[in-house]
N, C-alpha and C. Protein backbone atom coordinates (compact mmCIF):
# COMPACT_ATOMS: atom_id res chain seq x y z
N UNK A 1 102.23 41.63 -67.02
CA UNK A 1 102.12 42.82 -66.13
C UNK A 1 103.29 43.51 -66.19
N UNK A 2 104.59 43.06 -66.35
CA UNK A 2 105.83 43.82 -66.29
C UNK A 2 105.91 44.66 -67.57
N UNK A 3 105.47 44.12 -68.76
CA UNK A 3 105.37 44.83 -69.91
C UNK A 3 104.58 46.23 -69.85
N UNK A 4 103.36 45.95 -69.15
CA UNK A 4 102.48 47.00 -68.91
C UNK A 4 102.99 48.09 -68.11
N UNK A 5 103.61 47.69 -66.99
CA UNK A 5 104.47 48.68 -66.20
C UNK A 5 105.41 49.52 -66.93
N UNK A 6 106.29 48.89 -67.79
CA UNK A 6 107.14 49.55 -68.45
C UNK A 6 106.56 50.27 -69.63
N UNK A 7 105.47 49.91 -70.06
CA UNK A 7 104.83 50.61 -71.16
C UNK A 7 104.42 52.09 -70.63
N UNK A 8 103.82 51.94 -69.41
CA UNK A 8 103.28 53.14 -68.72
C UNK A 8 104.35 54.05 -68.38
N UNK A 9 105.47 53.47 -67.89
CA UNK A 9 106.66 54.16 -67.26
C UNK A 9 107.20 54.89 -68.57
N UNK A 10 107.40 54.24 -69.70
CA UNK A 10 108.11 54.78 -70.84
C UNK A 10 107.33 55.86 -71.46
N UNK A 11 105.93 55.73 -71.37
CA UNK A 11 104.99 56.74 -71.99
C UNK A 11 105.01 57.98 -71.10
N UNK A 12 105.06 57.74 -69.73
CA UNK A 12 105.20 59.08 -68.84
C UNK A 12 106.48 59.80 -69.11
N UNK A 13 107.51 59.02 -69.27
CA UNK A 13 108.85 59.73 -69.47
C UNK A 13 108.63 60.39 -70.84
N UNK A 14 108.20 59.93 -71.79
CA UNK A 14 108.00 60.48 -73.18
C UNK A 14 107.22 61.75 -72.99
N UNK A 15 106.10 61.64 -72.30
CA UNK A 15 105.39 62.88 -72.11
C UNK A 15 105.97 64.03 -71.30
N UNK A 16 106.81 63.74 -70.29
CA UNK A 16 107.56 64.54 -69.62
C UNK A 16 108.64 65.23 -70.63
N UNK A 17 109.29 64.51 -71.48
CA UNK A 17 110.29 65.00 -72.24
C UNK A 17 109.78 65.82 -73.47
N UNK A 18 108.71 65.30 -74.02
CA UNK A 18 108.27 65.87 -75.23
C UNK A 18 107.23 67.06 -74.93
N UNK A 19 106.51 67.06 -73.88
CA UNK A 19 105.52 67.87 -73.40
C UNK A 19 104.67 68.46 -74.57
N UNK A 20 103.70 67.68 -74.94
CA UNK A 20 102.83 67.99 -76.04
C UNK A 20 101.89 68.94 -76.00
N UNK A 21 101.81 69.72 -74.92
CA UNK A 21 100.93 70.88 -74.61
C UNK A 21 101.48 72.12 -74.93
N UNK A 22 101.05 72.69 -76.14
CA UNK A 22 101.61 73.94 -76.59
C UNK A 22 100.45 75.03 -76.68
N UNK A 23 100.65 76.09 -76.20
CA UNK A 23 99.64 77.26 -76.24
C UNK A 23 98.06 76.75 -75.87
N UNK A 24 98.09 75.98 -75.05
CA UNK A 24 96.67 75.52 -74.38
C UNK A 24 96.18 74.26 -75.43
N UNK A 25 96.96 74.09 -76.32
CA UNK A 25 96.45 72.80 -77.17
C UNK A 25 97.33 71.53 -77.09
N UNK A 26 96.73 70.48 -77.34
CA UNK A 26 97.39 69.09 -77.26
C UNK A 26 97.89 68.65 -78.73
N UNK A 27 99.05 68.41 -78.86
CA UNK A 27 99.63 67.97 -80.04
C UNK A 27 99.39 66.42 -80.16
N UNK A 28 98.40 66.07 -80.85
CA UNK A 28 98.05 64.61 -80.94
C UNK A 28 99.16 63.69 -81.57
N UNK A 29 100.04 64.27 -82.55
CA UNK A 29 100.91 63.54 -83.18
C UNK A 29 102.11 63.20 -82.07
N UNK A 30 102.24 64.09 -81.19
CA UNK A 30 103.45 63.57 -80.17
C UNK A 30 103.00 62.59 -79.39
N UNK A 31 101.71 62.55 -78.90
CA UNK A 31 101.02 61.61 -78.23
C UNK A 31 101.04 60.21 -78.84
N UNK A 32 100.67 60.22 -79.98
CA UNK A 32 100.55 58.91 -80.79
C UNK A 32 102.00 58.33 -80.93
N UNK A 33 103.03 59.28 -81.24
CA UNK A 33 104.36 58.83 -81.41
C UNK A 33 104.83 58.28 -80.05
N UNK A 34 104.47 58.87 -79.00
CA UNK A 34 104.85 58.34 -77.62
C UNK A 34 104.25 57.03 -77.21
N UNK A 35 103.01 56.90 -77.67
CA UNK A 35 102.41 55.48 -77.56
C UNK A 35 103.18 54.48 -78.29
N UNK A 36 103.49 54.85 -79.45
CA UNK A 36 104.06 53.85 -80.32
C UNK A 36 105.55 53.51 -79.77
N UNK A 37 106.26 54.51 -79.36
CA UNK A 37 107.82 54.19 -78.90
C UNK A 37 107.56 53.49 -77.58
N UNK A 38 106.58 53.93 -76.55
CA UNK A 38 106.41 53.25 -75.44
C UNK A 38 106.29 51.81 -75.53
N UNK A 39 105.36 51.50 -76.64
CA UNK A 39 105.01 50.07 -76.94
C UNK A 39 106.22 49.32 -77.28
N UNK A 40 106.88 49.92 -78.31
CA UNK A 40 108.11 49.26 -78.79
C UNK A 40 109.16 48.99 -77.63
N UNK A 41 109.38 50.10 -76.81
CA UNK A 41 110.33 49.90 -75.49
C UNK A 41 109.90 48.81 -74.64
N UNK A 42 108.52 48.77 -74.35
CA UNK A 42 108.03 47.70 -73.44
C UNK A 42 108.30 46.32 -74.11
N UNK A 43 108.05 46.19 -75.39
CA UNK A 43 108.17 44.76 -75.98
C UNK A 43 109.65 44.48 -76.01
N UNK A 44 110.44 45.19 -76.63
CA UNK A 44 111.83 45.02 -76.73
C UNK A 44 112.66 44.86 -75.45
N UNK A 45 112.44 45.74 -74.59
CA UNK A 45 113.44 45.96 -73.50
C UNK A 45 113.02 45.50 -72.15
N UNK A 46 111.74 44.78 -72.01
CA UNK A 46 111.33 44.46 -70.68
C UNK A 46 112.15 43.46 -69.96
N UNK A 47 112.96 42.60 -70.76
CA UNK A 47 113.81 41.73 -70.22
C UNK A 47 115.00 42.20 -69.67
N UNK A 48 115.56 43.26 -70.19
CA UNK A 48 116.73 43.80 -69.59
C UNK A 48 116.39 44.85 -68.30
N UNK A 49 115.24 45.42 -68.26
CA UNK A 49 114.96 46.13 -67.19
C UNK A 49 114.88 45.39 -65.64
N UNK A 50 114.95 45.93 -64.69
CA UNK A 50 115.11 45.29 -63.43
C UNK A 50 113.76 44.50 -63.08
N UNK A 51 114.06 43.27 -62.67
CA UNK A 51 113.00 42.50 -62.11
C UNK A 51 112.14 43.08 -60.94
N UNK A 52 112.91 43.94 -60.16
CA UNK A 52 112.23 44.46 -59.08
C UNK A 52 111.27 45.52 -59.52
N UNK A 53 110.22 45.31 -60.29
CA UNK A 53 109.43 46.42 -60.63
C UNK A 53 108.61 46.94 -59.79
N UNK A 54 108.28 46.30 -58.57
CA UNK A 54 107.45 46.88 -57.49
C UNK A 54 107.60 48.28 -57.25
N UNK A 55 108.75 48.81 -57.46
CA UNK A 55 109.00 50.11 -57.15
C UNK A 55 108.16 51.04 -57.85
N UNK A 56 107.61 50.70 -59.02
CA UNK A 56 106.74 51.50 -59.84
C UNK A 56 105.33 51.51 -59.51
N UNK A 57 105.02 50.56 -58.53
CA UNK A 57 103.56 50.39 -58.14
C UNK A 57 103.40 50.99 -56.82
N UNK A 58 104.29 50.97 -55.94
CA UNK A 58 104.12 51.42 -54.57
C UNK A 58 104.01 52.96 -54.53
N UNK A 59 103.05 53.64 -53.83
CA UNK A 59 103.10 55.05 -53.83
C UNK A 59 104.02 55.53 -52.97
N UNK A 60 104.38 54.74 -51.81
CA UNK A 60 105.50 55.14 -50.79
C UNK A 60 106.90 55.19 -51.60
N UNK A 61 107.19 54.23 -52.45
CA UNK A 61 108.42 54.18 -53.18
C UNK A 61 108.41 55.39 -54.19
N UNK A 62 107.35 55.67 -54.86
CA UNK A 62 107.18 56.74 -55.89
C UNK A 62 107.52 57.91 -54.94
N UNK A 63 106.80 58.18 -53.71
CA UNK A 63 107.13 59.31 -52.91
C UNK A 63 108.64 59.65 -52.73
N UNK A 64 109.24 58.38 -52.30
CA UNK A 64 110.74 58.68 -51.96
C UNK A 64 111.52 58.93 -53.18
N UNK A 65 111.15 58.34 -54.27
CA UNK A 65 111.83 58.57 -55.55
C UNK A 65 111.84 60.21 -55.90
N UNK A 66 110.50 60.76 -55.78
CA UNK A 66 110.36 62.12 -56.04
C UNK A 66 111.24 62.94 -54.88
N UNK A 67 111.13 62.55 -53.75
CA UNK A 67 111.94 63.32 -52.67
C UNK A 67 113.53 63.14 -53.04
N UNK A 68 113.94 62.09 -53.50
CA UNK A 68 115.34 61.79 -53.83
C UNK A 68 116.03 62.78 -54.88
N UNK A 69 115.05 63.06 -55.81
CA UNK A 69 115.54 63.73 -57.12
C UNK A 69 116.19 65.22 -56.61
N UNK A 70 115.45 66.00 -55.86
CA UNK A 70 116.15 67.26 -55.40
C UNK A 70 117.44 67.07 -54.57
N UNK A 71 117.27 65.99 -53.65
CA UNK A 71 118.49 65.77 -52.94
C UNK A 71 119.61 65.35 -53.83
N UNK A 72 119.40 64.40 -54.73
CA UNK A 72 120.44 64.00 -55.83
C UNK A 72 120.93 65.47 -56.33
N UNK A 73 119.97 66.22 -56.98
CA UNK A 73 120.64 67.46 -57.65
C UNK A 73 121.32 68.45 -56.67
N UNK A 74 121.03 68.39 -55.49
CA UNK A 74 121.80 69.19 -54.50
C UNK A 74 123.25 68.73 -54.54
N UNK A 75 123.36 67.54 -54.36
CA UNK A 75 124.62 66.99 -54.24
C UNK A 75 125.40 67.16 -55.62
N UNK A 76 124.72 66.99 -56.75
CA UNK A 76 125.31 67.23 -58.05
C UNK A 76 125.79 68.56 -58.26
N UNK A 77 125.09 69.69 -57.81
CA UNK A 77 125.51 70.92 -57.82
C UNK A 77 126.68 71.20 -56.85
N UNK A 78 126.55 70.79 -55.66
CA UNK A 78 127.53 70.96 -54.76
C UNK A 78 128.82 70.35 -55.15
N UNK A 79 128.90 69.16 -55.96
CA UNK A 79 130.08 68.58 -56.41
C UNK A 79 130.57 69.25 -57.52
N UNK A 80 129.69 69.79 -58.46
CA UNK A 80 130.08 70.66 -59.53
C UNK A 80 130.98 71.74 -59.24
N UNK A 81 130.36 72.62 -58.16
CA UNK A 81 131.24 73.69 -57.54
C UNK A 81 132.63 73.29 -56.92
N UNK A 82 132.48 72.07 -56.34
CA UNK A 82 133.86 71.68 -55.83
C UNK A 82 134.89 71.36 -57.04
N UNK A 83 134.34 70.70 -58.02
CA UNK A 83 135.26 70.31 -59.10
C UNK A 83 135.51 71.64 -59.97
N UNK A 84 134.71 72.62 -60.11
CA UNK A 84 135.13 73.94 -60.55
C UNK A 84 136.38 74.56 -59.89
N UNK A 85 135.98 74.65 -58.41
CA UNK A 85 136.93 75.10 -57.67
C UNK A 85 138.20 74.63 -57.77
N UNK A 86 138.48 73.18 -57.74
CA UNK A 86 139.73 72.46 -57.87
C UNK A 86 140.24 72.69 -59.41
N UNK A 87 139.56 72.96 -60.46
CA UNK A 87 140.06 73.13 -61.75
C UNK A 87 140.59 74.52 -61.89
N UNK A 88 139.77 75.61 -61.31
CA UNK A 88 140.36 76.86 -61.41
C UNK A 88 141.37 77.39 -60.18
N UNK A 89 141.62 76.52 -59.19
CA UNK A 89 142.49 76.85 -58.29
C UNK A 89 143.98 76.88 -58.75
N UNK A 90 144.84 77.92 -58.34
CA UNK A 90 146.22 77.93 -59.01
C UNK A 90 146.96 76.54 -58.72
N UNK A 91 146.84 75.93 -57.61
CA UNK A 91 147.61 74.56 -57.26
C UNK A 91 146.81 73.47 -57.69
N UNK A 92 145.59 73.69 -58.21
CA UNK A 92 144.58 72.47 -58.49
C UNK A 92 144.87 71.29 -57.48
N UNK A 93 144.30 71.55 -56.34
CA UNK A 93 144.42 70.69 -55.14
C UNK A 93 143.42 69.30 -55.37
N UNK A 94 144.16 68.50 -56.18
CA UNK A 94 143.62 67.15 -56.35
C UNK A 94 144.35 66.05 -55.94
N UNK A 95 143.87 65.04 -55.42
CA UNK A 95 144.56 63.80 -55.02
C UNK A 95 143.63 62.46 -55.42
N UNK A 96 143.72 62.31 -56.83
CA UNK A 96 142.77 61.19 -57.35
C UNK A 96 143.41 59.81 -56.82
N UNK A 97 142.31 59.06 -56.83
CA UNK A 97 142.54 57.60 -56.48
C UNK A 97 141.25 56.80 -56.58
N UNK A 98 141.50 55.56 -56.55
CA UNK A 98 140.37 54.62 -56.56
C UNK A 98 140.16 54.20 -55.02
N UNK A 99 138.95 54.22 -54.52
CA UNK A 99 138.74 53.67 -53.24
C UNK A 99 137.66 52.61 -53.25
N UNK A 100 137.66 51.84 -52.15
CA UNK A 100 136.71 50.69 -52.26
C UNK A 100 135.56 51.34 -51.17
N UNK A 101 134.32 51.01 -51.51
CA UNK A 101 133.27 51.33 -50.65
C UNK A 101 132.29 50.23 -50.43
N UNK A 102 131.70 50.20 -49.40
CA UNK A 102 130.70 48.95 -49.14
C UNK A 102 129.34 49.57 -49.09
N UNK A 103 128.52 48.80 -49.69
CA UNK A 103 127.03 49.34 -49.68
C UNK A 103 126.20 48.07 -49.00
N UNK A 104 125.25 48.84 -48.33
CA UNK A 104 124.26 47.73 -47.64
C UNK A 104 123.28 47.37 -48.46
N UNK A 105 123.05 47.93 -49.64
CA UNK A 105 121.84 47.50 -50.55
C UNK A 105 122.09 46.16 -50.98
N UNK A 106 120.85 45.46 -51.24
CA UNK A 106 120.76 44.12 -51.47
C UNK A 106 120.25 43.87 -53.01
N UNK A 107 119.39 44.76 -53.54
CA UNK A 107 118.72 44.49 -54.79
C UNK A 107 119.61 45.03 -55.85
N UNK A 108 119.49 44.25 -57.04
CA UNK A 108 120.45 44.71 -58.24
C UNK A 108 120.01 46.13 -58.65
N UNK A 109 118.58 46.43 -58.45
CA UNK A 109 118.25 47.75 -58.91
C UNK A 109 118.82 48.98 -57.98
N UNK A 110 118.85 48.60 -56.72
CA UNK A 110 119.41 49.48 -55.71
C UNK A 110 120.84 49.79 -55.84
N UNK A 111 121.59 48.66 -56.10
CA UNK A 111 123.08 48.86 -56.36
C UNK A 111 123.34 49.59 -57.66
N UNK A 112 122.35 49.25 -58.68
CA UNK A 112 122.67 50.10 -59.90
C UNK A 112 122.31 51.57 -59.63
N UNK A 113 121.27 51.94 -58.95
CA UNK A 113 120.92 53.22 -58.72
C UNK A 113 122.02 53.87 -57.92
N UNK A 114 122.61 53.28 -56.99
CA UNK A 114 123.81 53.95 -56.16
C UNK A 114 124.95 53.94 -57.04
N UNK A 115 125.22 52.98 -57.90
CA UNK A 115 126.50 53.17 -58.82
C UNK A 115 126.16 54.35 -59.77
N UNK A 116 125.12 54.50 -60.35
CA UNK A 116 124.80 55.43 -61.14
C UNK A 116 124.69 56.95 -60.56
N UNK A 117 124.17 57.06 -59.31
CA UNK A 117 124.16 58.30 -58.60
C UNK A 117 125.62 58.72 -58.34
N UNK A 118 126.64 57.85 -57.98
CA UNK A 118 127.86 58.24 -57.60
C UNK A 118 128.48 58.70 -59.00
N UNK A 119 128.31 57.72 -60.13
CA UNK A 119 128.93 58.29 -61.36
C UNK A 119 128.36 59.68 -61.91
N UNK A 120 127.19 59.86 -61.56
CA UNK A 120 126.59 60.92 -62.21
C UNK A 120 126.97 62.35 -61.33
N UNK A 121 127.60 62.15 -60.12
CA UNK A 121 128.12 63.17 -59.22
C UNK A 121 129.51 63.59 -59.86
N UNK A 122 129.72 64.69 -60.08
CA UNK A 122 131.09 65.06 -60.49
C UNK A 122 132.17 64.80 -59.64
N UNK A 123 133.34 64.36 -59.92
CA UNK A 123 134.39 64.22 -59.07
C UNK A 123 134.53 62.71 -58.66
N UNK A 124 133.42 61.99 -58.79
CA UNK A 124 133.49 60.46 -58.66
C UNK A 124 133.10 59.63 -59.80
N UNK A 125 133.41 58.56 -59.93
CA UNK A 125 133.17 57.55 -61.02
C UNK A 125 133.24 56.24 -60.52
N UNK A 126 132.06 55.31 -60.70
CA UNK A 126 132.06 54.00 -60.25
C UNK A 126 132.91 53.24 -61.37
N UNK A 127 133.91 52.51 -61.06
CA UNK A 127 134.79 51.81 -62.09
C UNK A 127 134.49 50.40 -61.93
N UNK A 128 134.15 49.80 -60.82
CA UNK A 128 134.04 48.40 -60.71
C UNK A 128 133.09 47.99 -59.49
N UNK A 129 132.63 46.78 -59.49
CA UNK A 129 131.80 46.13 -58.57
C UNK A 129 132.11 44.70 -58.11
N UNK A 130 132.20 44.50 -56.87
CA UNK A 130 132.42 43.11 -56.60
C UNK A 130 131.28 42.69 -55.62
N UNK A 131 130.55 41.45 -55.90
CA UNK A 131 129.51 40.98 -55.21
C UNK A 131 129.77 39.69 -54.75
N UNK A 132 129.66 39.60 -53.35
CA UNK A 132 129.97 38.16 -52.59
C UNK A 132 128.66 37.71 -52.01
N UNK A 133 128.26 36.62 -52.26
CA UNK A 133 127.08 35.99 -51.52
C UNK A 133 125.62 36.27 -52.28
N UNK A 134 124.51 35.83 -51.47
CA UNK A 134 123.38 35.98 -52.09
C UNK A 134 122.34 36.54 -51.00
N UNK A 135 121.35 37.07 -51.32
CA UNK A 135 120.19 37.34 -50.56
C UNK A 135 120.74 38.26 -49.18
N UNK A 136 120.38 37.84 -48.02
CA UNK A 136 120.63 38.59 -46.74
C UNK A 136 122.18 38.62 -46.50
N UNK A 137 123.09 37.56 -46.87
CA UNK A 137 124.46 37.70 -46.57
C UNK A 137 125.19 38.42 -47.74
N UNK A 138 124.51 39.07 -48.54
CA UNK A 138 125.24 39.65 -49.83
C UNK A 138 126.12 40.77 -49.31
N UNK A 139 127.36 40.71 -49.74
CA UNK A 139 128.19 41.89 -49.54
C UNK A 139 128.71 42.41 -50.76
N UNK A 140 128.36 43.66 -50.97
CA UNK A 140 128.70 44.27 -52.36
C UNK A 140 129.66 45.45 -52.26
N UNK A 141 130.83 45.57 -52.99
CA UNK A 141 131.59 46.51 -52.81
C UNK A 141 131.86 47.20 -54.19
N UNK A 142 131.88 48.67 -54.13
CA UNK A 142 132.00 49.32 -55.39
C UNK A 142 133.47 49.95 -55.34
N UNK A 143 134.05 50.06 -56.38
CA UNK A 143 135.45 50.81 -56.62
C UNK A 143 135.00 52.02 -57.34
N UNK A 144 135.49 53.17 -56.51
CA UNK A 144 135.12 54.58 -57.13
C UNK A 144 136.37 55.31 -57.33
N UNK A 145 136.61 55.88 -58.61
CA UNK A 145 137.56 56.89 -58.83
C UNK A 145 137.14 58.20 -58.15
N UNK A 146 137.97 58.81 -57.36
CA UNK A 146 137.42 59.99 -56.54
C UNK A 146 138.62 61.08 -56.91
N UNK A 147 138.13 62.34 -57.03
CA UNK A 147 138.99 63.30 -57.40
C UNK A 147 140.03 63.76 -56.36
N UNK A 148 139.44 63.73 -55.13
CA UNK A 148 140.24 64.02 -53.97
C UNK A 148 139.82 63.16 -52.82
N UNK A 149 140.86 62.02 -52.85
CA UNK A 149 140.66 61.05 -51.89
C UNK A 149 140.82 61.46 -50.44
N UNK A 150 139.86 61.53 -49.57
CA UNK A 150 140.02 62.06 -48.29
C UNK A 150 140.38 60.95 -47.42
N UNK A 151 140.08 59.64 -47.68
CA UNK A 151 140.45 58.60 -46.86
C UNK A 151 140.37 57.20 -47.55
N UNK A 152 141.40 56.25 -47.35
CA UNK A 152 141.50 55.06 -48.01
C UNK A 152 140.73 53.99 -47.36
N UNK A 153 140.35 54.37 -46.14
CA UNK A 153 139.43 53.42 -45.23
C UNK A 153 138.02 53.23 -45.85
N UNK A 154 137.62 51.97 -45.84
CA UNK A 154 136.35 51.55 -46.40
C UNK A 154 135.25 52.20 -45.82
N UNK A 155 135.20 52.26 -44.52
CA UNK A 155 134.05 52.85 -43.77
C UNK A 155 134.10 54.50 -44.06
N UNK A 156 135.06 55.22 -43.99
CA UNK A 156 135.39 56.59 -44.24
C UNK A 156 134.91 56.92 -45.51
N UNK A 157 135.35 56.27 -46.68
CA UNK A 157 135.13 56.40 -48.05
C UNK A 157 133.50 56.38 -48.28
N UNK A 158 133.05 55.19 -47.76
CA UNK A 158 131.64 54.98 -47.94
C UNK A 158 130.74 56.03 -47.16
N UNK A 159 131.31 56.54 -46.11
CA UNK A 159 130.52 57.64 -45.50
C UNK A 159 130.53 58.91 -46.29
N UNK A 160 131.76 59.30 -46.92
CA UNK A 160 132.00 60.44 -47.85
C UNK A 160 131.07 60.38 -49.11
N UNK A 161 131.12 59.08 -49.77
CA UNK A 161 130.70 59.03 -51.23
C UNK A 161 129.15 58.52 -51.06
N UNK A 162 128.88 57.41 -50.43
CA UNK A 162 127.69 56.63 -50.77
C UNK A 162 126.63 56.96 -49.60
N UNK A 163 127.00 57.18 -48.59
CA UNK A 163 125.87 57.06 -47.31
C UNK A 163 124.76 58.10 -47.73
N UNK A 164 125.18 59.26 -48.27
CA UNK A 164 124.01 60.30 -48.60
C UNK A 164 122.98 59.76 -49.58
N UNK A 165 123.28 58.80 -50.49
CA UNK A 165 122.41 58.30 -51.40
C UNK A 165 121.67 57.21 -50.97
N UNK A 166 122.55 56.21 -50.20
CA UNK A 166 121.99 54.93 -49.71
C UNK A 166 120.73 55.00 -49.08
N UNK A 167 120.53 55.88 -48.14
CA UNK A 167 119.31 55.87 -47.34
C UNK A 167 117.99 56.02 -48.15
N UNK A 168 118.17 56.99 -49.25
CA UNK A 168 116.86 57.22 -50.16
C UNK A 168 116.82 56.09 -50.97
N UNK A 169 117.87 55.52 -51.47
CA UNK A 169 117.78 54.49 -52.46
C UNK A 169 117.25 53.09 -51.78
N UNK A 170 117.59 53.01 -50.56
CA UNK A 170 117.00 51.89 -49.88
C UNK A 170 115.49 52.08 -49.65
N UNK A 171 115.02 53.10 -49.43
CA UNK A 171 113.63 53.42 -49.32
C UNK A 171 112.81 53.02 -50.63
N UNK A 172 113.59 53.37 -51.88
CA UNK A 172 112.96 53.37 -53.02
C UNK A 172 112.98 51.83 -53.54
N UNK A 173 114.10 51.33 -53.41
CA UNK A 173 114.31 49.98 -54.08
C UNK A 173 114.20 48.85 -53.22
N UNK A 174 114.20 48.89 -51.98
CA UNK A 174 114.27 47.62 -50.96
C UNK A 174 113.22 47.67 -50.19
């Protein structure tokens, strides 16, 4: 079942990237290549993909994933403008440092999505992760390099960096 889910997901991503519809015609070669690539990806990589594959089955989770994309891009654009401002400002107002943030996410997929969201947002980079406990008692901390450290406090840093993403990621992955 997992291989089938990953096959379908890989094929959908291929179709979105390759877009085989040109001038009202369908390019059959692109579709066949996509089927072959999706099959190979599903066979070779199903073990390294997250075990919490239910996210791809639930329409509610898919809805929240679709809602998350524009929210994520909003914060990426906002962070890009902030980084450009800091780079072009005569005094270059930066105060770089590594801060510790706490996440309430429990699944590996959710924590990975949060770490990737933070890293893909300009001005922040997830550099390490500590994970204590299992299941409900799990406490996970991420160490994030931040271009302008506003607070060293774990709660404040979490509020500034991760909280805007966590709510959506929790709806998608947990």
